[in-house]
Amino acid sequence: MAINKYQIKQIVRLSASFTVGGLLTDPTEVILFVQKPDSSELTYHYSSGTVSKLSTGTYYHDLMVDDSGNWYYRFEGDGVEAADEKQFIVMRSEFYGGHFAS
């Protein structure tokens, strides 16, 4: 499986689908854990509005990446089968930290 690659300051859509018995199903809560390249972690919750619902059983979060390296994320849902864990890479930029950095 190929790993997706992105640029610093790009918005990356992280998404997952949850099922019960093979049917898309809404969990009672959805939590997204993100591990940045420096090993710090971020947490987002559907109940707080930081994870969005696309359709029944399908959730996402748009994340602006701010550091180069390997990123990991995991969606978990209460009352559903399985969790979804993935990785992506943010490429180093010659320009990051320059004129437009914030």
Protein backbone atom coordinates (compact mmCIF):
# COMPACT_ATOMS: atom_id res chain seq x y z
CA MET A 1 0.00 0.00 0.00
CA ALA A 2 1.38 3.40 -0.99
CA ILE A 3 1.64 6.08 1.69
CA ASN A 4 0.13 9.45 0.81
CA LYS A 5 2.52 12.42 0.73
CA TYR A 6 1.64 16.06 1.40
CA GLN A 7 3.30 19.46 1.73
CA ILE A 8 3.63 21.60 4.87
CA LYS A 9 0.63 23.96 5.32
CA GLN A 10 -1.55 21.67 3.19
CA ILE A 11 -4.96 20.66 4.54
CA VAL A 12 -5.26 16.88 4.74
CA ARG A 13 -8.69 15.24 5.03
CA LEU A 14 -8.56 12.39 7.54
CA SER A 15 -11.58 10.10 7.31
CA ALA A 16 -13.00 6.80 8.48
CA SER A 17 -16.14 4.71 8.08
CA PHE A 18 -17.73 2.65 10.86
CA THR A 19 -19.83 -0.48 10.42
CA VAL A 20 -21.92 -2.93 12.38
CA GLY A 21 -22.65 -6.21 10.60
CA GLY A 22 -21.23 -4.76 7.40
CA LEU A 23 -23.60 -1.77 7.39
CA LEU A 24 -22.45 1.82 7.85
CA THR A 25 -23.47 2.82 11.36
CA ASP A 26 -23.07 5.94 13.49
CA PRO A 27 -21.09 5.36 16.68
CA THR A 28 -22.29 7.01 19.88
CA GLU A 29 -19.00 8.96 19.88
CA VAL A 30 -16.12 9.33 17.43
CA ILE A 31 -12.61 10.19 18.59
CA LEU A 32 -9.65 10.98 16.35
CA PHE A 33 -6.09 10.66 17.66
CA VAL A 34 -3.28 12.28 15.63
CA GLN A 35 0.42 11.72 16.31
CA LYS A 36 2.72 14.38 14.85
CA PRO A 37 6.31 13.68 13.70
CA ASP A 38 7.67 14.99 17.04
CA SER A 39 5.50 12.32 18.83
CA SER A 40 3.15 14.92 20.32
CA GLU A 41 -0.51 13.93 20.11
CA LEU A 42 -3.69 15.77 19.24
CA THR A 43 -7.22 14.55 20.04
CA TYR A 44 -10.48 15.53 18.33
CA HIS A 45 -14.08 14.55 19.22
CA TYR A 46 -17.31 14.48 17.24
CA SER A 47 -19.20 15.61 20.36
CA SER A 48 -17.10 18.80 20.55
CA GLY A 49 -17.50 19.57 16.85
CA THR A 50 -13.86 18.99 15.89
CA VAL A 51 -14.76 15.82 13.92
CA SER A 52 -17.46 16.16 11.26
CA LYS A 53 -20.00 13.70 9.89
CA LEU A 54 -20.07 13.26 6.09
CA SER A 55 -22.88 10.68 6.02
CA THR A 56 -24.12 7.75 8.10
CA GLY A 57 -21.08 6.03 9.57
CA THR A 58 -18.56 8.24 7.73
CA TYR A 59 -16.61 10.90 9.62
CA TYR A 60 -13.72 13.25 8.85
CA HIS A 61 -11.45 15.99 10.12
CA ASP A 62 -9.57 18.50 7.95
CA LEU A 63 -6.10 18.93 9.43
CA MET A 64 -3.56 21.55 8.39
CA VAL A 65 -0.17 19.88 8.68
CA ASP A 66 2.59 22.04 10.12
CA ASP A 67 5.61 19.76 10.40
CA SER A 68 7.48 17.45 8.05
CA GLY A 69 7.84 13.74 8.75
CA ASN A 70 5.64 10.73 9.47
CA TRP A 71 2.14 11.42 10.78
CA TYR A 72 -0.19 8.77 12.19
CA TYR A 73 -3.90 8.90 12.95
CA ARG A 74 -6.53 6.65 14.44
CA PHE A 75 -10.32 6.96 14.48
CA GLU A 76 -12.22 5.13 17.20
CA GLY A 77 -15.97 4.84 17.64
CA ASP A 78 -18.06 3.61 20.57
CA GLY A 79 -20.47 0.75 19.77
CA VAL A 80 -19.05 -0.18 16.34
CA GLU A 81 -16.75 -2.78 14.83
CA ALA A 82 -13.06 -1.91 14.57
CA ALA A 83 -11.05 1.26 14.51
CA ASP A 84 -9.19 2.75 11.58
CA GLU A 85 -5.49 3.63 11.80
CA LYS A 86 -3.38 5.11 9.00
CA GLN A 87 -0.15 6.95 8.23
CA PHE A 88 0.90 9.72 5.85
CA ILE A 89 4.08 11.71 5.20
CA VAL A 90 4.58 15.47 5.08
CA MET A 91 7.50 16.39 2.88
CA ARG A 92 10.23 18.76 4.02
CA SER A 93 10.05 22.20 2.41
CA GLU A 94 12.90 24.52 1.50
CA PHE A 95 10.49 27.43 2.08
CA TYR A 96 8.83 26.47 5.38
CA GLY A 97 9.78 28.92 8.09
CA GLY A 98 10.30 31.63 5.50
CA HIS A 99 8.37 34.75 4.60
CA PHE A 100 4.85 33.28 4.87
CA ALA A 101 5.32 31.13 7.99
CA SER A 102 2.96 31.82 10.85
